Protein backbone atom coordinates (compact mmCIF):
# COMPACT_ATOMS: atom_id res chain seq x y z
CA MET A 1 0.00 0.00 0.02
CA SER A 2 1.26 3.27 -0.85
CA LEU A 3 0.24 6.87 -0.47
CA SER A 4 -0.80 8.83 -3.61
CA LEU A 5 -2.61 11.70 -4.95
CA PRO A 6 -5.83 10.90 -6.79
CA THR A 7 -7.16 12.71 -9.75
CA ILE A 8 -7.28 16.28 -8.51
CA ILE A 9 -9.95 17.64 -10.83
CA PRO A 10 -12.76 17.21 -8.02
CA LEU A 11 -10.77 19.82 -5.94
CA LEU A 12 -11.50 22.42 -8.57
CA LYS A 13 -15.23 21.80 -8.88
CA PRO A 14 -17.95 23.10 -6.55
CA LEU A 15 -19.11 20.48 -4.02
CA ASN A 16 -22.47 19.30 -5.10
CA TYR A 17 -23.61 17.93 -1.81
CA THR A 18 -26.43 18.58 0.58
CA VAL A 19 -25.82 18.68 4.24
CA GLU A 20 -26.92 15.74 6.33
CA SER A 21 -28.37 17.88 9.06
CA GLY A 22 -28.03 21.39 10.45
CA SER A 23 -26.62 20.04 13.73
CA TYR A 24 -23.67 18.40 11.97
CA VAL A 25 -22.73 21.67 10.19
CA ILE A 26 -23.01 23.77 13.42
CA GLY A 27 -21.08 21.08 15.33
CA GLY A 28 -18.39 21.11 12.59
CA ILE A 29 -18.01 24.87 12.69
CA PHE A 30 -17.99 24.93 16.45
CA ALA A 31 -15.34 22.33 16.58
CA VAL A 32 -13.19 24.25 14.09
CA LEU A 33 -13.54 27.43 16.04
CA LEU A 34 -12.69 25.70 19.28
CA GLY A 35 -9.63 24.11 17.59
CA ILE A 36 -8.45 27.51 16.37
CA ALA A 37 -9.16 29.32 19.65
CA PHE A 38 -7.42 26.72 21.84
CA PHE A 39 -4.85 25.68 19.37
CA VAL A 40 -1.73 24.40 21.09
CA THR A 41 1.44 25.89 19.70
CA THR A 42 4.10 23.63 18.31
CA ARG A 43 5.62 21.66 21.16
CA GLN A 44 9.26 21.69 21.88
CA SER A 45 11.42 19.00 20.26
CA ASP A 46 14.79 17.58 20.78
CA PHE A 47 15.40 18.07 17.04
CA GLN A 48 15.92 21.13 14.96
CA ARG A 49 12.71 22.25 13.32
CA VAL A 50 12.16 22.92 9.70
CA GLY A 51 9.57 24.72 7.85
CA LYS A 52 7.08 27.54 8.61
CA PRO A 53 4.57 28.06 11.53
CA TRP A 54 0.96 27.29 10.54
CA LEU A 55 -0.31 30.86 10.10
CA SER A 56 2.69 32.16 8.21
CA SER A 57 2.54 29.15 5.96
CA LEU A 58 -1.19 29.74 5.42
CA LEU A 59 -0.53 33.38 4.39
CA SER A 60 2.15 32.26 1.92
CA GLY A 61 -0.45 31.36 -0.67
CA ARG A 62 1.22 29.23 -3.28
CA ASN A 63 4.41 28.98 -1.28
CA ALA A 64 2.47 27.44 1.69
CA MET A 65 4.01 24.29 3.04
CA THR A 66 1.14 22.30 1.74
CA PHE A 67 2.36 23.01 -1.81
CA THR A 68 6.11 23.20 -1.22
CA MET A 69 6.67 20.43 1.39
CA GLU A 70 9.31 18.70 -0.65
CA LYS A 71 11.51 21.84 -0.69
CA HIS A 72 11.50 22.01 3.11
CA VAL A 73 12.37 18.28 3.40
CA GLN A 74 15.21 18.73 1.01
CA ASP A 75 16.51 21.76 2.98
CA GLY A 76 16.34 19.65 6.23
CA TYR A 77 18.14 16.84 4.63
CA THR A 78 20.91 19.05 3.26
CA LYS A 79 21.53 21.32 6.09
CA ILE A 80 20.87 18.96 9.04
CA THR A 81 20.97 15.34 8.06
CA LYS A 82 23.87 15.64 5.68
CA GLN A 83 25.99 18.03 7.74
CA ALA A 84 25.29 16.76 11.26
CA GLY A 85 23.93 13.25 10.70
CA LYS A 86 20.93 14.07 12.78
CA PRO A 87 17.15 13.93 12.40
CA PHE A 88 14.97 17.02 11.88
CA VAL A 89 11.27 17.66 12.74
CA MET A 90 8.56 19.39 10.81
CA LYS A 91 4.76 19.40 10.34
CA TRP A 92 3.54 16.79 7.99
CA TRP A 93 -0.18 16.22 7.62
CA ALA A 94 -0.73 18.69 10.37
CA MET A 95 1.31 16.77 12.92
CA ASP A 96 4.93 16.71 13.94
CA CYS A 97 7.00 14.16 12.08
CA VAL A 98 10.65 13.26 12.76
CA PHE A 99 12.57 12.81 9.56
CA LEU A 100 15.31 10.28 10.04
CA PRO A 101 18.68 9.94 8.29
CA PRO A 102 19.09 6.89 6.16
CA LYS A 103 21.34 5.23 8.76
CA TYR A 104 18.19 4.27 10.66
CA LEU A 105 16.65 2.35 7.78
CA ARG A 106 18.12 -0.80 9.38
CA ASP A 107 15.95 -0.15 12.43
CA LEU A 108 12.90 0.09 10.35
CA ASN A 109 13.74 -3.15 8.64
CA ARG A 110 13.80 -5.01 11.94
CA ALA A 111 10.78 -3.46 13.57
CA GLY A 112 7.44 -5.23 13.59
CA ALA A 113 3.99 -3.60 13.28
CA HIS A 114 3.63 -3.82 17.10
CA SER A 115 6.55 -1.34 17.39
CA LEU A 116 6.37 0.83 14.25
CA SER A 117 3.02 0.92 12.38
CA PHE A 118 2.54 2.05 8.82
CA LEU A 119 -1.22 1.54 8.93
CA GLU A 120 -1.68 3.61 12.01
CA ASN A 121 0.37 6.40 10.35
CA ILE A 122 -1.96 6.38 7.36
CA ASN A 123 -4.92 6.26 9.65
CA GLU A 124 -3.77 9.39 11.46
CA ALA A 125 -2.59 11.30 8.43
CA PHE A 126 -5.81 10.99 6.59
CA SER A 127 -8.24 11.06 9.63
CA LEU A 128 -9.53 7.69 8.48
CA HIS A 129 -11.06 6.87 11.78
CA ALA A 130 -13.78 9.51 10.92
CA SER A 131 -15.14 7.24 8.16
CA ALA A 132 -13.49 3.83 8.41
CA GLY A 133 -13.54 3.32 12.18
CA HIS A 134 -10.99 0.67 13.22
CA LEU A 135 -10.42 -0.69 9.72
CA TYR A 136 -6.84 0.23 9.76
CA HIS A 137 -6.25 -1.73 12.96
CA SER A 138 -7.02 -4.82 11.04
CA GLU A 139 -4.73 -7.03 9.03
CA LEU A 140 -7.35 -8.06 6.50
CA MET A 141 -6.37 -5.53 3.82
CA ILE A 142 -2.77 -6.61 4.19
CA ASN A 143 -3.57 -10.25 4.02
CA VAL A 144 -5.65 -9.90 0.83
CA VAL A 145 -2.68 -8.43 -0.94
CA LYS A 146 0.05 -10.52 0.65
CA ARG A 147 -1.64 -14.03 0.81
CA GLY A 148 -4.10 -13.45 -2.10
CA ILE A 149 -2.84 -11.28 -4.84
CA ASN A 150 0.90 -11.90 -4.50
CA THR A 151 0.55 -15.64 -4.44
CA CYS A 152 -1.70 -15.70 -7.50
CA LEU A 153 0.03 -13.05 -9.66
CA PRO A 154 0.78 -15.28 -12.71
CA LYS A 155 -2.84 -16.38 -12.80
CA LEU A 156 -4.13 -12.91 -12.45
CA ILE A 157 -2.27 -11.40 -15.45
CA PRO A 158 -4.68 -12.91 -18.02
CA LEU A 159 -7.71 -11.42 -16.18
CA LEU A 160 -6.06 -8.10 -16.00
CA ASN A 161 -5.19 -8.30 -19.75
CA GLU A 162 -8.83 -9.16 -20.53
CA GLU A 163 -10.04 -6.14 -18.52
CA CYS A 164 -7.45 -3.90 -20.04
CA ASP A 165 -8.62 -4.85 -23.54
CA TYR A 166 -12.15 -3.90 -22.55
CA ALA A 167 -10.96 -0.69 -20.83
CA PHE A 168 -8.90 0.33 -23.92
CA THR A 169 -11.82 -0.18 -26.24
CA LYS A 170 -14.20 1.70 -23.85
CA GLU A 171 -11.85 4.58 -23.13
CA ILE A 172 -9.79 4.88 -26.33
CA GLY A 173 -11.45 2.85 -29.13
CA SER A 174 -9.60 2.37 -32.40
CA PRO A 175 -9.03 5.92 -33.74
CA ALA A 176 -7.61 5.83 -37.26
CA ASP A 177 -6.53 9.42 -37.00
CA TRP A 178 -5.13 11.38 -34.16
CA GLU A 179 -7.52 11.79 -31.24
CA GLN A 180 -6.99 13.97 -28.20
CA PHE A 181 -7.31 12.69 -24.55
CA SER A 182 -6.52 14.07 -21.13
CA THR A 183 -3.53 11.90 -20.17
CA ALA A 184 -3.98 11.62 -16.38
CA GLU A 185 -7.82 11.08 -16.71
CA LEU A 186 -7.42 8.45 -19.36
CA ILE A 187 -4.79 6.49 -17.66
CA GLY A 188 -6.58 6.75 -14.27
CA ASN A 189 -9.83 5.40 -15.80
CA ILE A 190 -8.06 2.44 -17.37
CA MET A 191 -6.22 1.77 -14.17
CA HIS A 192 -9.33 1.93 -12.07
CA ARG A 193 -11.14 -0.51 -14.32
CA ALA A 194 -8.28 -2.98 -14.42
CA THR A 195 -7.75 -2.78 -10.66
CA SER A 196 -11.49 -3.34 -9.99
CA ARG A 197 -11.41 -6.57 -11.88
CA ILE A 198 -9.20 -8.14 -9.15
CA LEU A 199 -10.09 -6.10 -6.07
CA ILE A 200 -13.92 -5.93 -6.64
CA GLY A 201 -14.67 -8.81 -8.96
CA ALA A 202 -16.10 -9.54 -12.46
CA GLU A 203 -19.67 -8.82 -11.43
CA LEU A 204 -19.05 -5.09 -10.94
CA CYS A 205 -15.87 -4.05 -12.63
CA ARG A 206 -17.75 -2.91 -15.76
CA ASP A 207 -20.76 -1.36 -13.91
CA GLU A 208 -20.73 2.28 -14.63
CA THR A 209 -22.59 3.23 -11.32
CA TYR A 210 -20.06 1.28 -9.38
CA LEU A 211 -17.14 2.82 -11.32
CA SER A 212 -18.46 6.29 -10.87
CA SER A 213 -19.06 6.08 -7.10
CA SER A 214 -16.02 4.20 -6.20
CA LYS A 215 -13.83 6.66 -8.14
CA THR A 216 -15.45 9.56 -6.29
CA PHE A 217 -14.95 7.75 -2.97
CA THR A 218 -11.22 6.98 -3.64
CA ASP A 219 -10.58 10.59 -4.73
CA SER A 220 -12.43 12.04 -1.65
CA ILE A 221 -10.19 10.02 0.82
CA PHE A 222 -7.19 12.23 -0.21
CA ILE A 223 -9.25 15.40 -0.41
CA ASN A 224 -10.87 14.95 2.94
CA GLY A 225 -7.49 14.16 4.49
CA LEU A 226 -5.92 17.22 2.83
CA VAL A 227 -8.59 19.55 4.17
CA MET A 228 -8.27 18.17 7.68
CA SER A 229 -4.39 18.78 7.39
CA MET A 230 -4.81 22.42 6.62
CA LEU A 231 -6.86 23.34 9.62
CA PRO A 232 -5.23 24.04 12.94
CA LEU A 233 -7.54 21.65 14.96
CA GLY A 234 -5.01 21.03 17.81
CA PRO A 235 -6.41 18.78 20.62
CA PHE A 236 -9.84 18.77 19.04
CA ARG A 237 -8.57 17.04 15.90
CA HIS A 238 -10.29 13.65 16.22
CA ILE A 239 -13.69 15.08 17.21
CA ALA A 240 -13.55 17.91 14.54
CA CYS A 241 -12.49 15.44 11.77
CA TRP A 242 -15.47 13.30 12.42
CA LEU A 243 -17.76 16.25 12.20
CA LEU A 244 -16.06 17.63 9.15
CA SER A 245 -15.96 14.30 7.19
CA ILE A 246 -19.69 14.51 6.32
CA PHE A 247 -19.14 14.77 2.60
CA HIS A 248 -16.54 12.04 2.53
CA ARG A 249 -18.88 9.68 4.54
CA ARG A 250 -21.68 10.48 1.96
CA ASN A 251 -19.33 9.35 -0.87
CA MET A 252 -18.51 6.23 1.19
CA ARG A 253 -22.09 5.27 1.55
CA LYS A 254 -22.69 5.68 -2.22
CA ALA A 255 -19.80 3.43 -3.02
CA MET A 256 -20.84 0.95 -0.37
CA LYS A 257 -24.39 0.95 -1.77
CA ALA A 258 -22.95 -0.04 -5.13
CA ILE A 259 -20.79 -3.07 -3.92
CA LEU A 260 -22.53 -4.23 -0.83
CA PRO A 261 -25.22 -6.38 -2.59
CA ILE A 262 -22.56 -8.38 -4.35
CA VAL A 263 -20.49 -8.81 -1.19
CA GLU A 264 -23.58 -9.93 0.68
CA GLN A 265 -24.49 -12.44 -2.12
CA ARG A 266 -20.84 -13.85 -2.08
CA PHE A 267 -20.91 -13.94 1.71
CA ASN A 268 -24.06 -16.01 1.76
CA GLU A 269 -22.59 -18.38 -0.85
CA PHE A 270 -19.39 -18.75 1.12
CA GLN A 271 -21.36 -19.50 4.21
CA ALA A 272 -23.41 -22.20 2.37
CA LYS A 273 -20.22 -23.85 1.06
CA ALA A 274 -18.66 -23.78 4.57
CA SER A 275 -21.75 -25.53 6.02
CA GLU A 276 -21.27 -28.17 3.38
CA ASN A 277 -17.51 -28.45 4.19
CA GLU A 278 -16.65 -26.93 0.72
CA GLY A 279 -15.28 -23.65 2.14
CA GLY A 280 -11.77 -24.53 0.87
CA LYS A 281 -12.86 -24.37 -2.70
CA GLN A 282 -11.93 -21.15 -4.29
CA ALA A 283 -14.47 -20.37 -7.02
CA ARG A 284 -13.11 -16.94 -8.03
CA LEU A 285 -9.74 -15.18 -8.28
CA ASP A 286 -10.66 -11.92 -6.63
CA ALA A 287 -10.32 -10.06 -3.40
CA ILE A 288 -13.91 -10.69 -2.30
CA GLU A 289 -13.10 -14.42 -2.18
CA TRP A 290 -9.81 -13.86 -0.35
CA SER A 291 -11.45 -11.43 2.15
CA LEU A 292 -14.09 -14.07 2.91
CA SER A 293 -11.45 -16.77 3.42
CA PHE A 294 -8.98 -14.67 5.49
CA SER A 295 -11.58 -13.19 7.83
CA THR A 296 -13.22 -16.41 8.79
CA GLY A 297 -13.03 -16.92 12.54
CA ASN A 298 -12.96 -13.16 13.27
CA ILE A 299 -16.22 -12.14 14.50
CA ASN A 300 -15.42 -8.38 13.92
CA GLU A 301 -14.25 -8.78 10.34
CA HIS A 302 -16.24 -11.72 8.85
CA ASN A 303 -19.26 -9.66 7.78
CA PRO A 304 -20.24 -8.04 4.51
CA GLU A 305 -19.95 -4.34 5.69
CA TRP A 306 -16.52 -4.72 6.96
CA ILE A 307 -15.26 -6.59 3.89
CA ALA A 308 -16.84 -4.18 1.48
CA LEU A 309 -15.23 -1.19 3.20
CA SER A 310 -11.80 -2.94 3.19
CA LEU A 311 -12.24 -3.61 -0.51
CA LEU A 312 -12.79 0.08 -1.25
CA HIS A 313 -9.74 1.19 0.79
CA ASN A 314 -7.62 -1.43 -1.05
CA LEU A 315 -8.97 -0.09 -4.32
CA TRP A 316 -7.71 3.41 -3.25
CA ALA A 317 -4.23 2.07 -2.48
CA GLY A 318 -4.10 -0.07 -5.62
CA SER A 319 -5.16 2.29 -8.42
CA ALA A 320 -4.17 5.89 -7.74
CA ALA A 321 -0.29 5.40 -7.44
CA PRO A 322 -0.01 2.94 -10.33
CA GLY A 323 -2.10 5.21 -12.48
CA GLY A 324 0.17 8.12 -11.76
CA LEU A 325 3.23 5.97 -12.64
CA VAL A 326 1.89 5.02 -16.07
CA THR A 327 1.04 8.75 -16.70
CA GLN A 328 4.64 9.64 -15.89
CA MET A 329 5.83 6.89 -18.20
CA VAL A 330 3.81 8.39 -21.08
CA PHE A 331 5.13 11.90 -20.38
CA GLN A 332 8.73 10.60 -20.36
CA VAL A 333 8.64 8.87 -23.57
CA LEU A 334 7.00 11.98 -25.23
CA LEU A 335 9.54 14.24 -23.63
CA GLU A 336 12.48 11.91 -24.66
CA PRO A 337 11.30 9.94 -27.67
CA GLN A 338 14.61 8.07 -27.90
CA TYR A 339 13.25 5.74 -25.22
CA LEU A 340 10.08 4.88 -27.08
CA ARG A 341 11.44 2.68 -29.82
CA PRO A 342 13.59 0.35 -27.57
CA LEU A 343 10.78 0.07 -25.01
CA ARG A 344 8.23 -0.68 -27.75
CA LYS A 345 10.54 -3.24 -29.49
CA GLU A 346 11.07 -4.97 -26.14
CA ALA A 347 7.34 -5.22 -25.48
CA GLU A 348 6.53 -6.42 -28.96
CA ASN A 349 9.12 -9.10 -28.78
CA ALA A 350 7.91 -10.24 -25.31
CA VAL A 351 4.35 -10.42 -26.36
CA ARG A 352 5.02 -12.28 -29.62
CA LEU A 353 6.92 -14.87 -27.67
CA HIS A 354 4.70 -15.12 -24.60
CA GLY A 355 1.50 -13.16 -25.11
CA TYR A 356 0.44 -10.79 -22.43
CA THR A 357 1.45 -13.04 -19.54
CA ASN A 358 3.41 -12.73 -16.31
CA THR A 359 6.44 -14.33 -18.21
CA ALA A 360 6.24 -11.57 -20.86
CA LEU A 361 6.14 -8.76 -18.26
CA GLY A 362 9.00 -10.28 -16.31
CA SER A 363 11.20 -10.36 -19.43
CA MET A 364 10.79 -6.51 -20.03
CA VAL A 365 14.09 -5.53 -18.37
CA LEU A 366 14.40 -2.19 -20.18
CA MET A 367 10.96 -1.22 -18.85
CA ASP A 368 12.01 -2.30 -15.35
CA SER A 369 14.93 0.05 -15.36
CA PHE A 370 12.74 2.80 -16.91
CA ILE A 371 10.19 2.48 -14.13
CA ARG A 372 12.76 2.38 -11.37
CA GLU A 373 14.51 5.52 -12.73
CA LEU A 374 11.06 7.37 -12.94
CA ASN A 375 10.35 6.37 -9.35
CA ARG A 376 13.78 7.61 -8.39
CA LEU A 377 13.43 11.03 -9.92
CA TYR A 378 9.62 11.49 -10.08
CA PRO A 379 8.25 9.33 -7.15
CA THR A 380 4.71 9.53 -5.92
CA GLY A 381 5.97 11.31 -2.87
CA ALA A 382 9.11 13.09 -1.43
CA VAL A 383 8.53 11.16 1.88
CA THR A 384 8.22 7.51 2.54
CA CYS A 385 8.64 4.82 5.28
CA ALA A 386 6.05 6.68 7.36
CA ARG A 387 5.57 5.04 10.75
CA THR A 388 4.01 5.65 14.09
CA VAL A 389 5.64 4.42 17.34
CA MET A 390 3.23 1.99 18.99
CA ASP A 391 5.01 0.47 21.85
CA PRO A 392 4.05 2.08 25.17
CA SER A 393 7.76 2.05 26.15
CA GLY A 394 8.76 3.82 22.95
CA PHE A 395 11.19 2.71 20.26
CA GLN A 396 14.93 2.60 20.57
CA PHE A 397 17.24 2.83 17.56
CA HIS A 398 20.44 1.00 17.20
CA ASP A 399 22.61 4.02 18.32
CA GLY A 400 20.50 4.72 21.51
CA LEU A 401 18.13 7.24 20.03
CA LYS A 402 14.66 6.74 21.64
CA LEU A 403 11.31 8.12 20.64
CA PRO A 404 8.19 7.94 22.74
CA GLN A 405 4.94 6.21 21.90
CA GLY A 406 2.90 8.19 19.40
CA SER A 407 5.89 9.71 17.61
CA ARG A 408 5.59 9.88 13.83
CA ILE A 409 8.67 9.12 11.79
CA ALA A 410 9.56 9.13 8.02
CA ILE A 411 12.42 9.10 5.57
CA PRO A 412 13.25 11.89 3.08
CA ALA A 413 13.09 9.45 0.15
CA LEU A 414 13.42 12.02 -2.74
CA ALA A 415 16.31 13.69 -1.11
CA ILE A 416 18.12 10.39 -0.82
CA GLN A 417 17.39 9.32 -4.31
CA THR A 418 18.78 12.59 -5.70
CA ASP A 419 21.80 12.65 -3.50
CA PRO A 420 25.02 12.83 -5.62
CA GLN A 421 26.68 10.42 -3.15
CA ASN A 422 24.18 7.75 -4.21
CA PHE A 423 23.86 8.47 -8.00
CA GLN A 424 25.89 9.88 -10.76
CA ASP A 425 24.14 12.91 -12.30
CA PRO A 426 21.18 12.42 -9.97
CA PHE A 427 19.04 15.10 -11.45
CA THR A 428 19.45 13.74 -15.00
CA PHE A 429 16.79 11.20 -16.08
CA ASP A 430 18.63 8.05 -17.29
CA GLY A 431 16.01 5.48 -18.25
CA PHE A 432 18.42 2.60 -18.61
CA ARG A 433 20.55 3.52 -15.66
CA PHE A 434 19.98 0.27 -13.85
CA ILE A 435 20.68 -2.28 -16.50
CA ARG A 436 24.32 -1.06 -16.87
CA PRO A 437 26.44 -3.14 -14.40
CA HIS A 438 28.95 -0.55 -13.87
CA THR A 439 26.27 1.87 -12.55
CA LEU A 440 25.08 -0.53 -9.89
CA ILE A 441 26.07 -0.29 -6.30
CA GLU A 442 24.25 -3.60 -5.46
CA GLU A 443 24.74 -7.04 -6.92
CA GLN A 444 22.54 -8.27 -9.70
CA GLU A 445 20.37 -10.71 -7.85
CA GLY A 446 19.09 -11.04 -4.29
CA GLU A 447 17.39 -13.78 -2.50
CA ASP A 448 15.16 -16.14 -4.58
CA GLY A 449 16.67 -14.83 -7.80
CA GLU A 450 14.88 -11.42 -7.56
CA ARG A 451 16.58 -8.66 -9.50
CA LYS A 452 18.07 -6.32 -7.02
CA TRP A 453 17.94 -3.56 -9.59
CA GLY A 454 14.28 -4.24 -10.44
CA SER A 455 11.73 -1.58 -10.05
CA SER A 456 9.88 -3.48 -7.33
CA THR A 457 13.01 -4.19 -5.27
CA VAL A 458 13.43 -1.92 -2.28
CA SER A 459 16.77 -0.80 -1.11
CA GLU A 460 18.38 2.02 0.87
CA THR A 461 18.46 4.13 -2.38
CA ASN A 462 15.24 2.84 -3.93
CA LEU A 463 12.65 3.91 -1.54
CA ALA A 464 9.67 4.68 -3.68
CA PHE A 465 7.80 1.63 -2.31
CA GLY A 466 9.14 2.16 1.17
CA TYR A 467 11.57 -0.06 2.95
CA GLY A 468 11.71 -3.00 5.40
CA LYS A 469 8.95 -5.13 6.70
CA HIS A 470 6.31 -2.51 5.89
CA ALA A 471 7.42 -1.78 2.32
CA CYS A 472 4.44 -1.63 0.01
CA ILE A 473 3.33 -5.24 -0.21
CA GLY A 474 1.34 -4.40 -3.44
CA ARG A 475 4.38 -3.19 -5.37
CA PHE A 476 4.81 -6.46 -7.40
CA TYR A 477 1.12 -6.21 -8.45
CA ALA A 478 1.46 -2.46 -9.12
CA VAL A 479 4.50 -2.83 -11.33
CA ARG A 480 2.98 -5.66 -13.32
CA LYS A 481 -0.18 -3.54 -13.91
CA ALA A 482 1.90 -0.46 -14.97
CA LYS A 483 3.95 -2.71 -17.40
CA LEU A 484 0.80 -4.25 -18.90
CA ILE A 485 -1.07 -1.06 -19.50
CA PHE A 486 1.98 0.86 -20.76
CA SER A 487 3.16 -1.90 -23.09
CA LYS A 488 -0.29 -2.25 -24.58
CA LEU A 489 -0.49 1.42 -24.98
CA ILE A 490 2.83 1.85 -26.86
CA VAL A 491 2.44 -1.38 -28.90
CA GLU A 492 -1.14 -0.80 -30.05
CA TYR A 493 -1.02 3.04 -30.48
CA ASP A 494 1.08 5.83 -31.74
CA LEU A 495 1.50 8.74 -29.27
CA LYS A 496 2.22 12.40 -29.72
CA TRP A 497 1.65 15.70 -27.75
CA ASP A 498 1.75 19.46 -28.27
CA ASN A 499 4.25 20.05 -25.50
CA VAL A 500 7.51 21.50 -26.69
CA GLY A 501 10.61 20.21 -24.73
CA GLN A 502 9.28 20.72 -21.23
CA ARG A 503 8.10 18.17 -18.76
CA PRO A 504 4.55 18.80 -17.45
CA VAL A 505 4.75 20.23 -13.99
CA ASN A 506 3.60 17.85 -11.25
CA LEU A 507 1.06 18.83 -8.59
CA SER A 508 2.46 18.75 -5.09
CA LEU A 509 0.33 18.46 -2.02
CA ASN A 510 1.78 17.68 1.38
CA GLY A 511 4.86 16.15 -0.22
CA GLN A 512 2.76 13.79 -2.44
CA PHE A 513 2.94 14.26 -6.19
CA ALA A 514 0.41 13.78 -8.93
CA PRO A 515 1.23 13.96 -12.61
CA ASN A 516 0.06 17.09 -14.41
CA GLN A 517 -3.74 16.92 -14.72
CA SER A 518 -4.18 19.17 -17.78
CA GLN A 519 -1.64 17.65 -20.23
CA LYS A 520 -3.21 16.19 -23.38
CA VAL A 521 -1.98 13.31 -25.35
CA PHE A 522 -2.93 12.31 -29.02
CA LEU A 523 -3.42 8.66 -29.88
CA LYS A 524 -4.11 6.77 -33.02
CA ARG A 525 -4.24 2.92 -33.63
CA ARG A 526 -1.09 1.36 -35.06
CA GLY A 527 -2.51 -1.76 -36.41
CA VAL A 528 0.56 -3.91 -35.50
CA ASN A 529 0.15 -7.69 -35.80
CA LEU A 530 1.57 -9.61 -32.83
CA GLY A 531 0.20 -12.94 -33.93
CA LEU A 532 -1.97 -13.35 -30.90
């Protein structure tokens, strides 16, 4: 699971909602006023503080920390971490966060969820308790990806390919001449459809009501969290967030209404099979089936409502970031067209030999390097490895540094990945950087033959997917989806744009990056014969 910006267009539109009740609005306004009136000033820290106070940041307009977080993180890394080897502290998602030097990555690697929790950090950052309750205290979403998706990946690729074919036909068609599309919106829609095939199932993945309501819901998770982070709620944060999440909960109910009947139907079928001692038979390869299996025996989780909500939150994690990655891939080959021909040739050769299969995707080594370099220079966020200290006794690092329970920590990933000590010409995009042996710091293969330079392999200098035991467990699935969609796009279509030599500017919010939302792309069908 990884943090990511959704499509940002809803931010720019009027909110077309009605208020649940007058008391909710009054209560929400009252809570905000109380939070401002009694706002507790930034507490003292043992670490040097970076960034601006809340009010001065708010008055900075476009230079507010919300829109320039990565610059402050880079400043702290350069002036404090690099020079003194020490952590620094700054506001991130409205709360103090300790940004650690890379020497502490070893400690993250050894720490279990009972000590340092990624899920609790997300829960706090996005105020998810206000809509999802205790969902992020459960392991169900993790198990669905780890024990379900990851163990079935080779079998899932044909299903994804089938859904991608449908999505390409639905979203693009077969234009004989150049046709214009919004790049981010197009890729986001295709990714959402493909992801829904595995996470929601065949019954709903092509249902337009479901697609619309679930897309609105996943977008509103980020928007709601962003709004909460911009308000000085202080000690009233938890109460105020619940009151102010009215619109997000309304989006959640609409999405739940779309998927709950199917989940209830599958739940009843599963229960009937279990009573006939047939519960071990997996009829379908999708997350509903895995959720039913992995929640059995847990009275709090083994019910349709909990499962449906967990599916929607996994959908958020599994569609936004991979969609952003593919959009960045499209931008890069249009900006530097010298990469398009070798990537297209590699994809065509792989597909001719193996079809659109897991084997074909695994053989695309040029694309692997291309993705890893994009994640190095243009990751989905400047910050990764976000954790919250859970142990009541605190957490002690290898050098004696100790942080109390409730402390929030993170790693300045983008700063590390553009550090000249880690990479030659770090601010120059070099798409095939990682397939040239002399450029590799690490060995070619790790345990179980995994490519150590592969795009899904985490390391101390490849942090886009996190690090350690809590690195994004969906990264293998995400990379395969990105390869599948991008390879189909460049093999089956010609691409061009009207941009002249300049990379479309990312949108930055709280250190999270989304590809430019306004950039257009022109596509037309190539008519290539792959012998499939």
